[in-house]
């Protein structure tokens, strides 16, 4: 299998950009891709529906209002089951491949142990993707021809944004299964609390505190239940690009899929339109935050 065969009719990813960028924000949807190359599906023990269990269905659509606001949106067309760009470039499970992995590969990360490395072993609740081991050069090809260009594009968007506005804000957009639990059980029902959104900032390291709390407050004021950093504090993208001391802020947003999609059939629910409108308002308000929210550390240094 090769990139040329896998993506003959579909580019692996694209930037949806306004005619002119008007705000210092970049939106990113790395897990909403749903083009599954035919040869990839032939390698899988799963059918075309079951393999989509790890997909952030329609998240790129939910955040599409970022573009008319004046911000670029980078979105993947390749699926997370094929390649996960929210990992280090070489988080590889040696048990997945016919040949030894390179010595520089991270084979001991928690994510690799869980089957969710750069090239994932499982989807959903532990279902194996592949019928047999893969040639190592297939994983390396995906990393060289998709992973690295994707991150080059994302890094360039952020660098260009900071050059134009003095700082850049990355909003990394994801969804989560509805079964995710948070906090203490509900006092009335004694059932586990389940958040509608989780805001992740790597426990304050990836962005201005004011950005995180503004995002939380905006969503709470809309009536949503919002968690902060637990159980998702942000993945590789948030950690790698969030450098507030260098004027790069990164915030991860996780949306409970039950808000907008049938998690079995993957069909949009009628509530999809309401969530879309709420997110459009959320983005408009979040991107209107004043500059001092992001540049305060510079003022303190002065």
C-alpha atoms as a PDB file:
ATOM      1  CA  UNK A   1       0.000   0.000   0.000  1.00  0.00           C
ATOM      2  CA  UNK A   2       1.267   3.516  -0.729  1.00  0.00           C
ATOM      3  CA  UNK A   3       0.085   7.070  -0.281  1.00  0.00           C
ATOM      4  CA  UNK A   4      -0.357   7.378  -4.045  1.00  0.00           C
ATOM      5  CA  UNK A   5      -2.804   4.476  -4.091  1.00  0.00           C
ATOM      6  CA  UNK A   6      -4.485   5.351  -0.808  1.00  0.00           C
ATOM      7  CA  UNK A   7      -5.263   8.941  -1.713  1.00  0.00           C
ATOM      8  CA  UNK A   8      -5.805   8.994  -5.456  1.00  0.00           C
ATOM      9  CA  UNK A   9      -9.213  10.656  -5.157  1.00  0.00           C
ATOM     10  CA  UNK A  10      -8.885  12.508  -1.852  1.00  0.00           C
ATOM     11  CA  UNK A  11      -6.187  14.782  -0.482  1.00  0.00           C
ATOM     12  CA  UNK A  12      -5.077  13.603   2.993  1.00  0.00           C
ATOM     13  CA  UNK A  13      -5.887  16.968   4.609  1.00  0.00           C
ATOM     14  CA  UNK A  14      -6.803  20.527   3.732  1.00  0.00           C
ATOM     15  CA  UNK A  15      -6.867  24.052   5.086  1.00  0.00           C
ATOM     16  CA  UNK A  16     -10.240  25.766   4.946  1.00  0.00           C
ATOM     17  CA  UNK A  17      -9.220  29.404   5.012  1.00  0.00           C
ATOM     18  CA  UNK A  18     -10.946  32.773   4.755  1.00  0.00           C
ATOM     19  CA  UNK A  19      -9.907  35.135   1.971  1.00  0.00           C
ATOM     20  CA  UNK A  20      -8.027  37.060   4.663  1.00  0.00           C
ATOM     21  CA  UNK A  21      -7.252  35.929   8.198  1.00  0.00           C
ATOM     22  CA  UNK A  22      -8.788  38.477  10.547  1.00  0.00           C
ATOM     23  CA  UNK A  23      -8.252  36.934  13.994  1.00  0.00           C
ATOM     24  CA  UNK A  24      -5.207  35.334  15.693  1.00  0.00           C
ATOM     25  CA  UNK A  25      -6.839  31.896  15.958  1.00  0.00           C
ATOM     26  CA  UNK A  26      -6.195  28.610  14.164  1.00  0.00           C
ATOM     27  CA  UNK A  27      -8.670  25.741  14.471  1.00  0.00           C
ATOM     28  CA  UNK A  28      -7.618  22.130  14.001  1.00  0.00           C
ATOM     29  CA  UNK A  29      -9.654  18.937  13.574  1.00  0.00           C
ATOM     30  CA  UNK A  30      -7.168  16.056  13.359  1.00  0.00           C
ATOM     31  CA  UNK A  31      -9.502  13.128  14.077  1.00  0.00           C
ATOM     32  CA  UNK A  32     -12.614  13.848  11.994  1.00  0.00           C
ATOM     33  CA  UNK A  33     -11.287  12.299   8.777  1.00  0.00           C
ATOM     34  CA  UNK A  34     -13.562   9.651   7.312  1.00  0.00           C
ATOM     35  CA  UNK A  35     -11.928   8.617   4.056  1.00  0.00           C
ATOM     36  CA  UNK A  36     -10.863   4.998   4.539  1.00  0.00           C
ATOM     37  CA  UNK A  37      -8.628   3.814   1.677  1.00  0.00           C
ATOM     38  CA  UNK A  38      -9.905   0.567   0.137  1.00  0.00           C
ATOM     39  CA  UNK A  39      -6.586  -1.256   0.603  1.00  0.00           C
ATOM     40  CA  UNK A  40      -6.495  -0.178   4.234  1.00  0.00           C
ATOM     41  CA  UNK A  41      -9.957  -1.661   4.756  1.00  0.00           C
ATOM     42  CA  UNK A  42      -8.791  -4.887   3.103  1.00  0.00           C
ATOM     43  CA  UNK A  43      -6.034  -5.138   5.725  1.00  0.00           C
ATOM     44  CA  UNK A  44      -8.536  -4.692   8.552  1.00  0.00           C
ATOM     45  CA  UNK A  45     -10.523  -7.336  10.366  1.00  0.00           C
ATOM     46  CA  UNK A  46     -13.246  -4.704  10.903  1.00  0.00           C
ATOM     47  CA  UNK A  47     -15.931  -3.645   8.470  1.00  0.00           C
ATOM     48  CA  UNK A  48     -16.331  -0.123   7.116  1.00  0.00           C
ATOM     49  CA  UNK A  49     -18.689   0.840   9.963  1.00  0.00           C
ATOM     50  CA  UNK A  50     -16.980  -0.692  12.991  1.00  0.00           C
ATOM     51  CA  UNK A  51     -13.604   0.792  12.103  1.00  0.00           C
ATOM     52  CA  UNK A  52     -15.084   4.273  12.603  1.00  0.00           C
ATOM     53  CA  UNK A  53     -15.435   3.900  16.387  1.00  0.00           C
ATOM     54  CA  UNK A  54     -12.453   6.150  17.139  1.00  0.00           C
ATOM     55  CA  UNK A  55     -13.473   8.812  14.641  1.00  0.00           C
ATOM     56  CA  UNK A  56     -14.407  12.311  15.819  1.00  0.00           C
ATOM     57  CA  UNK A  57     -17.469  12.284  13.606  1.00  0.00           C
ATOM     58  CA  UNK A  58     -18.432  15.657  12.075  1.00  0.00           C
ATOM     59  CA  UNK A  59     -16.227  17.716  14.402  1.00  0.00           C
ATOM     60  CA  UNK A  60     -14.792  19.573  11.404  1.00  0.00           C
ATOM     61  CA  UNK A  61     -18.347  20.476  10.417  1.00  0.00           C
ATOM     62  CA  UNK A  62     -19.258  21.614  13.929  1.00  0.00           C
ATOM     63  CA  UNK A  63     -16.349  24.080  13.929  1.00  0.00           C
ATOM     64  CA  UNK A  64     -16.752  25.209  10.320  1.00  0.00           C
ATOM     65  CA  UNK A  65     -18.026  28.618  11.468  1.00  0.00           C
ATOM     66  CA  UNK A  66     -14.444  29.484  12.360  1.00  0.00           C
ATOM     67  CA  UNK A  67     -13.737  30.221   8.701  1.00  0.00           C
ATOM     68  CA  UNK A  68     -16.310  33.008   8.172  1.00  0.00           C
ATOM     69  CA  UNK A  69     -15.124  34.448  11.496  1.00  0.00           C
ATOM     70  CA  UNK A  70     -11.736  34.900   9.843  1.00  0.00           C
ATOM     71  CA  UNK A  71      -9.701  31.920  11.089  1.00  0.00           C
ATOM     72  CA  UNK A  72      -8.240  28.979   9.157  1.00  0.00           C
ATOM     73  CA  UNK A  73      -9.436  25.454   9.924  1.00  0.00           C
ATOM     74  CA  UNK A  74      -7.061  22.561   9.263  1.00  0.00           C
ATOM     75  CA  UNK A  75      -8.913  19.288   8.909  1.00  0.00           C
ATOM     76  CA  UNK A  76      -7.791  15.741   8.244  1.00  0.00           C
ATOM     77  CA  UNK A  77      -9.448  13.544   5.639  1.00  0.00           C
ATOM     78  CA  UNK A  78      -7.397  10.497   6.626  1.00  0.00           C
ATOM     79  CA  UNK A  79      -8.940   8.688   9.614  1.00  0.00           C
ATOM     80  CA  UNK A  80      -7.435   8.353  13.061  1.00  0.00           C
ATOM     81  CA  UNK A  81      -7.467   4.558  12.657  1.00  0.00           C
ATOM     82  CA  UNK A  82      -5.070   4.973   9.714  1.00  0.00           C
ATOM     83  CA  UNK A  83      -2.729   7.532  11.290  1.00  0.00           C
ATOM     84  CA  UNK A  84      -2.927   9.614  14.476  1.00  0.00           C
ATOM     85  CA  UNK A  85      -1.240  13.008  14.229  1.00  0.00           C
ATOM     86  CA  UNK A  86      -2.090  13.708  17.890  1.00  0.00           C
ATOM     87  CA  UNK A  87       0.822  11.485  18.877  1.00  0.00           C
ATOM     88  CA  UNK A  88       4.575  11.827  18.761  1.00  0.00           C
ATOM     89  CA  UNK A  89       5.828  11.035  15.254  1.00  0.00           C
ATOM     90  CA  UNK A  90       7.155   7.597  16.207  1.00  0.00           C
ATOM     91  CA  UNK A  91       4.984   6.159  18.973  1.00  0.00           C
ATOM     92  CA  UNK A  92       5.062   2.647  17.545  1.00  0.00           C
ATOM     93  CA  UNK A  93       4.103  -0.745  18.949  1.00  0.00           C
ATOM     94  CA  UNK A  94       6.820  -3.220  17.887  1.00  0.00           C
ATOM     95  CA  UNK A  95       4.342  -6.107  18.087  1.00  0.00           C
ATOM     96  CA  UNK A  96       2.421  -4.647  15.131  1.00  0.00           C
ATOM     97  CA  UNK A  97       5.200  -4.943  12.542  1.00  0.00           C
ATOM     98  CA  UNK A  98       7.106  -7.604  10.669  1.00  0.00           C
ATOM     99  CA  UNK A  99      10.446  -5.842  11.148  1.00  0.00           C
ATOM    100  CA  UNK A 100      12.072  -4.217  14.193  1.00  0.00           C
ATOM    101  CA  UNK A 101      11.051  -0.595  14.732  1.00  0.00           C
ATOM    102  CA  UNK A 102      13.765   2.099  14.693  1.00  0.00           C
ATOM    103  CA  UNK A 103      15.775   2.593  17.873  1.00  0.00           C
ATOM    104  CA  UNK A 104      14.422   6.144  18.191  1.00  0.00           C
ATOM    105  CA  UNK A 105      10.790   4.992  18.293  1.00  0.00           C
ATOM    106  CA  UNK A 106       8.921   5.515  21.548  1.00  0.00           C
ATOM    107  CA  UNK A 107       7.693   1.985  22.259  1.00  0.00           C
ATOM    108  CA  UNK A 108       6.948   2.463  25.961  1.00  0.00           C
ATOM    109  CA  UNK A 109       4.463   5.303  26.046  1.00  0.00           C
ATOM    110  CA  UNK A 110       1.133   4.831  27.789  1.00  0.00           C
ATOM    111  CA  UNK A 111      -0.582   5.426  24.470  1.00  0.00           C
ATOM    112  CA  UNK A 112       1.361   2.659  22.730  1.00  0.00           C
ATOM    113  CA  UNK A 113       0.574   0.313  25.627  1.00  0.00           C
ATOM    114  CA  UNK A 114      -3.099   1.114  25.166  1.00  0.00           C
ATOM    115  CA  UNK A 115      -2.993   0.339  21.453  1.00  0.00           C
ATOM    116  CA  UNK A 116      -3.302   3.977  20.404  1.00  0.00           C
ATOM    117  CA  UNK A 117       0.089   4.916  19.023  1.00  0.00           C
ATOM    118  CA  UNK A 118       0.877   6.911  15.894  1.00  0.00           C
ATOM    119  CA  UNK A 119      -0.321   3.907  13.917  1.00  0.00           C
ATOM    120  CA  UNK A 120      -3.105   2.563  16.101  1.00  0.00           C
ATOM    121  CA  UNK A 121      -3.591  -1.110  16.906  1.00  0.00           C
ATOM    122  CA  UNK A 122      -7.191  -0.785  18.134  1.00  0.00           C
ATOM    123  CA  UNK A 123     -10.349   1.284  17.805  1.00  0.00           C
ATOM    124  CA  UNK A 124     -13.183   1.821  20.233  1.00  0.00           C
ATOM    125  CA  UNK A 125     -13.295  -0.545  23.182  1.00  0.00           C
ATOM    126  CA  UNK A 126     -10.218  -2.539  22.279  1.00  0.00           C
ATOM    127  CA  UNK A 127     -11.130  -3.958  18.878  1.00  0.00           C
ATOM    128  CA  UNK A 128      -8.045  -4.898  16.854  1.00  0.00           C
ATOM    129  CA  UNK A 129      -7.786  -3.136  13.507  1.00  0.00           C
ATOM    130  CA  UNK A 130      -5.505  -5.424  11.519  1.00  0.00           C
ATOM    131  CA  UNK A 131      -5.713  -9.062  10.441  1.00  0.00           C
ATOM    132  CA  UNK A 132      -1.957  -9.524  10.677  1.00  0.00           C
ATOM    133  CA  UNK A 133       1.305  -7.677  11.243  1.00  0.00           C
ATOM    134  CA  UNK A 134       2.210  -4.807   8.934  1.00  0.00           C
ATOM    135  CA  UNK A 135       5.371  -4.140   6.975  1.00  0.00           C
ATOM    136  CA  UNK A 136       7.257  -1.476   8.906  1.00  0.00           C
ATOM    137  CA  UNK A 137       7.764   0.610   5.775  1.00  0.00           C
ATOM    138  CA  UNK A 138       4.011   1.119   5.599  1.00  0.00           C
ATOM    139  CA  UNK A 139       3.951   2.882   8.959  1.00  0.00           C
ATOM    140  CA  UNK A 140       7.046   4.898   8.047  1.00  0.00           C
ATOM    141  CA  UNK A 141       5.457   5.894   4.736  1.00  0.00           C
ATOM    142  CA  UNK A 142       2.361   7.222   6.501  1.00  0.00           C
ATOM    143  CA  UNK A 143       4.551   9.199   8.901  1.00  0.00           C
ATOM    144  CA  UNK A 144       6.769  10.678   6.184  1.00  0.00           C
ATOM    145  CA  UNK A 145       4.059  11.465   3.642  1.00  0.00           C
ATOM    146  CA  UNK A 146       1.131  12.513   5.845  1.00  0.00           C
ATOM    147  CA  UNK A 147       2.132  13.023   9.485  1.00  0.00           C
ATOM    148  CA  UNK A 148       5.106  15.273   8.826  1.00  0.00           C
ATOM    149  CA  UNK A 149       3.390  17.394   6.121  1.00  0.00           C
ATOM    150  CA  UNK A 150       0.352  17.773   8.388  1.00  0.00           C
ATOM    151  CA  UNK A 151       2.449  19.105  11.253  1.00  0.00           C
ATOM    152  CA  UNK A 152       4.450  21.295   8.892  1.00  0.00           C
ATOM    153  CA  UNK A 153       1.181  22.840   7.719  1.00  0.00           C
ATOM    154  CA  UNK A 154      -0.099  23.335  11.258  1.00  0.00           C
ATOM    155  CA  UNK A 155       3.187  24.849  12.419  1.00  0.00           C
ATOM    156  CA  UNK A 156       3.214  27.196   9.443  1.00  0.00           C
ATOM    157  CA  UNK A 157      -0.326  28.371  10.132  1.00  0.00           C
ATOM    158  CA  UNK A 158       0.595  29.167  13.718  1.00  0.00           C
ATOM    159  CA  UNK A 159       3.874  30.896  12.815  1.00  0.00           C
ATOM    160  CA  UNK A 160       2.153  33.015  10.179  1.00  0.00           C
ATOM    161  CA  UNK A 161      -0.574  33.907  12.661  1.00  0.00           C
ATOM    162  CA  UNK A 162       1.899  35.025  15.317  1.00  0.00           C
ATOM    163  CA  UNK A 163       3.843  37.040  12.738  1.00  0.00           C
ATOM    164  CA  UNK A 164       0.655  38.859  11.712  1.00  0.00           C
ATOM    165  CA  UNK A 165      -0.977  39.408  15.111  1.00  0.00           C
ATOM    166  CA  UNK A 166       1.804  39.126  17.678  1.00  0.00           C
ATOM    167  CA  UNK A 167       0.451  35.868  19.107  1.00  0.00           C
ATOM    168  CA  UNK A 168      -1.352  32.738  17.929  1.00  0.00           C
ATOM    169  CA  UNK A 169      -4.110  30.662  19.535  1.00  0.00           C
ATOM    170  CA  UNK A 170      -4.655  27.032  18.525  1.00  0.00           C
ATOM    171  CA  UNK A 171      -8.022  25.451  19.256  1.00  0.00           C
ATOM    172  CA  UNK A 172      -7.672  21.678  18.897  1.00  0.00           C
ATOM    173  CA  UNK A 173     -11.116  20.186  18.292  1.00  0.00           C
ATOM    174  CA  UNK A 174     -12.157  16.674  19.327  1.00  0.00           C
ATOM    175  CA  UNK A 175     -15.094  14.532  20.440  1.00  0.00           C
ATOM    176  CA  UNK A 176     -15.339  11.858  23.118  1.00  0.00           C
ATOM    177  CA  UNK A 177     -17.572   8.851  23.798  1.00  0.00           C
ATOM    178  CA  UNK A 178     -20.617   9.602  25.911  1.00  0.00           C
ATOM    179  CA  UNK A 179     -19.521   7.102  28.546  1.00  0.00           C
ATOM    180  CA  UNK A 180     -16.722   9.333  29.824  1.00  0.00           C
ATOM    181  CA  UNK A 181     -17.271   9.997  33.532  1.00  0.00           C
ATOM    182  CA  UNK A 182     -16.229  13.047  35.505  1.00  0.00           C
ATOM    183  CA  UNK A 183     -16.169  13.961  39.157  1.00  0.00           C
ATOM    184  CA  UNK A 184     -18.463  12.845  41.939  1.00  0.00           C
ATOM    185  CA  UNK A 185     -21.795  11.089  41.284  1.00  0.00           C
ATOM    186  CA  UNK A 186     -24.844  13.288  40.840  1.00  0.00           C
ATOM    187  CA  UNK A 187     -26.346  13.916  44.308  1.00  0.00           C
ATOM    188  CA  UNK A 188     -29.911  13.360  43.073  1.00  0.00           C
ATOM    189  CA  UNK A 189     -29.484  10.269  40.897  1.00  0.00           C
ATOM    190  CA  UNK A 190     -26.285   8.819  42.378  1.00  0.00           C
ATOM    191  CA  UNK A 191     -25.209   8.253  38.769  1.00  0.00           C
ATOM    192  CA  UNK A 192     -21.754   9.293  37.498  1.00  0.00           C
ATOM    193  CA  UNK A 193     -21.578  12.817  36.126  1.00  0.00           C
ATOM    194  CA  UNK A 194     -20.851  12.976  32.425  1.00  0.00           C
ATOM    195  CA  UNK A 195     -19.464  16.217  30.963  1.00  0.00           C
ATOM    196  CA  UNK A 196     -20.753  17.784  27.774  1.00  0.00           C
ATOM    197  CA  UNK A 197     -17.361  19.389  27.160  1.00  0.00           C
ATOM    198  CA  UNK A 198     -13.851  18.988  28.513  1.00  0.00           C
ATOM    199  CA  UNK A 199     -11.445  21.904  28.225  1.00  0.00           C
ATOM    200  CA  UNK A 200      -7.812  20.793  28.237  1.00  0.00           C
ATOM    201  CA  UNK A 201      -4.791  23.041  28.729  1.00  0.00           C
ATOM    202  CA  UNK A 202      -2.167  20.583  29.993  1.00  0.00           C
ATOM    203  CA  UNK A 203      -2.932  21.721  33.546  1.00  0.00           C
ATOM    204  CA  UNK A 204      -2.219  25.344  32.758  1.00  0.00           C
ATOM    205  CA  UNK A 205       0.935  24.820  30.736  1.00  0.00           C
ATOM    206  CA  UNK A 206      -0.333  25.174  27.165  1.00  0.00           C
ATOM    207  CA  UNK A 207      -2.180  28.489  27.247  1.00  0.00           C
ATOM    208  CA  UNK A 208      -3.212  31.527  29.241  1.00  0.00           C
ATOM    209  CA  UNK A 209      -5.359  30.654  32.251  1.00  0.00           C
ATOM    210  CA  UNK A 210      -7.748  33.391  31.185  1.00  0.00           C
ATOM    211  CA  UNK A 211      -8.351  31.619  27.860  1.00  0.00           C
ATOM    212  CA  UNK A 212      -9.243  28.346  29.576  1.00  0.00           C
ATOM    213  CA  UNK A 213     -11.583  29.934  32.070  1.00  0.00           C
ATOM    214  CA  UNK A 214     -13.227  32.065  29.388  1.00  0.00           C
ATOM    215  CA  UNK A 215     -13.944  28.921  27.350  1.00  0.00           C
ATOM    216  CA  UNK A 216     -15.350  27.144  30.405  1.00  0.00           C
ATOM    217  CA  UNK A 217     -17.519  30.089  31.414  1.00  0.00           C
ATOM    218  CA  UNK A 218     -18.889  30.651  27.916  1.00  0.00           C
ATOM    219  CA  UNK A 219     -20.001  27.020  27.638  1.00  0.00           C
ATOM    220  CA  UNK A 220     -21.404  26.921  31.163  1.00  0.00           C
ATOM    221  CA  UNK A 221     -23.439  30.040  30.472  1.00  0.00           C
ATOM    222  CA  UNK A 222     -25.005  28.159  27.559  1.00  0.00           C
ATOM    223  CA  UNK A 223     -26.136  25.477  30.001  1.00  0.00           C
ATOM    224  CA  UNK A 224     -23.477  22.848  29.310  1.00  0.00           C
ATOM    225  CA  UNK A 225     -21.651  20.772  31.919  1.00  0.00           C
ATOM    226  CA  UNK A 226     -17.931  21.439  31.518  1.00  0.00           C
ATOM    227  CA  UNK A 227     -14.904  19.646  32.977  1.00  0.00           C
ATOM    228  CA  UNK A 228     -11.364  20.998  33.088  1.00  0.00           C
ATOM    229  CA  UNK A 229      -8.410  18.742  32.197  1.00  0.00           C
ATOM    230  CA  UNK A 230     -10.011  15.560  33.561  1.00  0.00           C
ATOM    231  CA  UNK A 231      -9.939  13.038  32.109  1.00  0.00           C
ATOM    232  CA  UNK A 232      -8.467  14.719  29.002  1.00  0.00           C
ATOM    233  CA  UNK A 233      -5.857  17.437  29.532  1.00  0.00           C
ATOM    234  CA  UNK A 234      -4.786  17.632  25.896  1.00  0.00           C
ATOM    235  CA  UNK A 235      -2.724  15.374  23.686  1.00  0.00           C
ATOM    236  CA  UNK A 236       0.518  15.741  21.780  1.00  0.00           C
ATOM    237  CA  UNK A 237      -0.745  18.656  19.677  1.00  0.00           C
ATOM    238  CA  UNK A 238      -1.774  20.754  22.670  1.00  0.00           C
ATOM    239  CA  UNK A 239       1.432  19.900  24.503  1.00  0.00           C
ATOM    240  CA  UNK A 240       3.724  20.423  21.512  1.00  0.00           C
ATOM    241  CA  UNK A 241       2.317  23.710  20.205  1.00  0.00           C
ATOM    242  CA  UNK A 242       1.231  25.332  23.468  1.00  0.00           C
ATOM    243  CA  UNK A 243       4.081  27.699  24.369  1.00  0.00           C
ATOM    244  CA  UNK A 244       2.504  30.721  26.068  1.00  0.00           C
ATOM    245  CA  UNK A 245       5.925  32.185  26.885  1.00  0.00           C
ATOM    246  CA  UNK A 246       6.561  32.310  23.126  1.00  0.00           C
ATOM    247  CA  UNK A 247       3.073  33.688  22.331  1.00  0.00           C
ATOM    248  CA  UNK A 248       1.652  30.356  21.182  1.00  0.00           C
ATOM    249  CA  UNK A 249      -1.461  29.297  23.113  1.00  0.00           C
ATOM    250  CA  UNK A 250      -3.097  25.882  22.618  1.00  0.00           C
ATOM    251  CA  UNK A 251      -6.441  24.711  24.009  1.00  0.00           C
ATOM    252  CA  UNK A 252      -8.123  21.345  23.480  1.00  0.00           C
ATOM    253  CA  UNK A 253     -11.905  21.013  23.323  1.00  0.00           C
ATOM    254  CA  UNK A 254     -13.639  17.632  23.692  1.00  0.00           C
ATOM    255  CA  UNK A 255     -17.345  17.364  22.854  1.00  0.00           C
ATOM    256  CA  UNK A 256     -19.579  14.587  24.181  1.00  0.00           C
ATOM    257  CA  UNK A 257     -20.745  12.756  21.057  1.00  0.00           C
ATOM    258  CA  UNK A 258     -24.168  12.075  22.536  1.00  0.00           C
ATOM    259  CA  UNK A 259     -24.890  15.781  22.098  1.00  0.00           C
ATOM    260  CA  UNK A 260     -25.056  15.485  18.331  1.00  0.00           C
ATOM    261  CA  UNK A 261     -24.610  11.961  16.919  1.00  0.00           C
ATOM    262  CA  UNK A 262     -26.080   8.488  17.341  1.00  0.00           C
ATOM    263  CA  UNK A 263     -22.998   6.633  18.538  1.00  0.00           C
ATOM    264  CA  UNK A 264     -24.203   3.337  17.070  1.00  0.00           C
ATOM    265  CA  UNK A 265     -25.354   4.369  13.608  1.00  0.00           C
ATOM    266  CA  UNK A 266     -23.132   7.518  13.457  1.00  0.00           C
ATOM    267  CA  UNK A 267     -26.065   9.472  12.057  1.00  0.00           C
ATOM    268  CA  UNK A 268     -26.452  13.125  13.047  1.00  0.00           C
ATOM    269  CA  UNK A 269     -29.110  13.771  15.665  1.00  0.00           C
ATOM    270  CA  UNK A 270     -31.658  16.592  15.291  1.00  0.00           C
ATOM    271  CA  UNK A 271     -29.693  18.374  18.044  1.00  0.00           C
ATOM    272  CA  UNK A 272     -26.722  18.719  15.677  1.00  0.00           C
ATOM    273  CA  UNK A 273     -28.078  22.035  14.393  1.00  0.00           C
ATOM    274  CA  UNK A 274     -28.468  23.443  17.907  1.00  0.00           C
ATOM    275  CA  UNK A 275     -24.930  22.465  18.858  1.00  0.00           C
ATOM    276  CA  UNK A 276     -23.615  23.963  15.621  1.00  0.00           C
ATOM    277  CA  UNK A 277     -25.283  27.298  16.428  1.00  0.00           C
ATOM    278  CA  UNK A 278     -24.023  27.221  20.018  1.00  0.00           C
ATOM    279  CA  UNK A 279     -20.465  26.532  18.875  1.00  0.00           C
ATOM    280  CA  UNK A 280     -20.683  29.355  16.333  1.00  0.00           C
ATOM    281  CA  UNK A 281     -21.604  31.750  19.151  1.00  0.00           C
ATOM    282  CA  UNK A 282     -18.960  30.229  21.413  1.00  0.00           C
ATOM    283  CA  UNK A 283     -16.264  30.763  18.786  1.00  0.00           C
ATOM    284  CA  UNK A 284     -17.404  34.315  18.103  1.00  0.00           C
ATOM    285  CA  UNK A 285     -17.198  35.171  21.805  1.00  0.00           C
ATOM    286  CA  UNK A 286     -13.932  33.318  22.439  1.00  0.00           C
ATOM    287  CA  UNK A 287     -12.146  34.908  19.499  1.00  0.00           C
ATOM    288  CA  UNK A 288     -13.275  38.358  20.656  1.00  0.00           C
ATOM    289  CA  UNK A 289     -11.196  38.136  23.843  1.00  0.00           C
ATOM    290  CA  UNK A 290      -8.890  41.164  24.224  1.00  0.00           C
ATOM    291  CA  UNK A 291      -5.182  40.967  23.459  1.00  0.00           C
ATOM    292  CA  UNK A 292      -4.145  41.355  27.092  1.00  0.00           C
ATOM    293  CA  UNK A 293      -5.505  37.868  27.813  1.00  0.00           C
ATOM    294  CA  UNK A 294      -2.681  36.486  25.685  1.00  0.00           C
ATOM    295  CA  UNK A 295       0.059  39.082  26.123  1.00  0.00           C
ATOM    296  CA  UNK A 296      -0.156  39.665  29.885  1.00  0.00           C
ATOM    297  CA  UNK A 297       3.072  37.777  30.523  1.00  0.00           C
ATOM    298  CA  UNK A 298       4.905  40.289  28.311  1.00  0.00           C
ATOM    299  CA  UNK A 299       3.430  43.182  30.257  1.00  0.00           C
ATOM    300  CA  UNK A 300       4.482  41.556  33.538  1.00  0.00           C
ATOM    301  CA  UNK A 301       8.025  41.166  32.209  1.00  0.00           C
ATOM    302  CA  UNK A 302       8.142  44.845  31.380  1.00  0.00           C
END
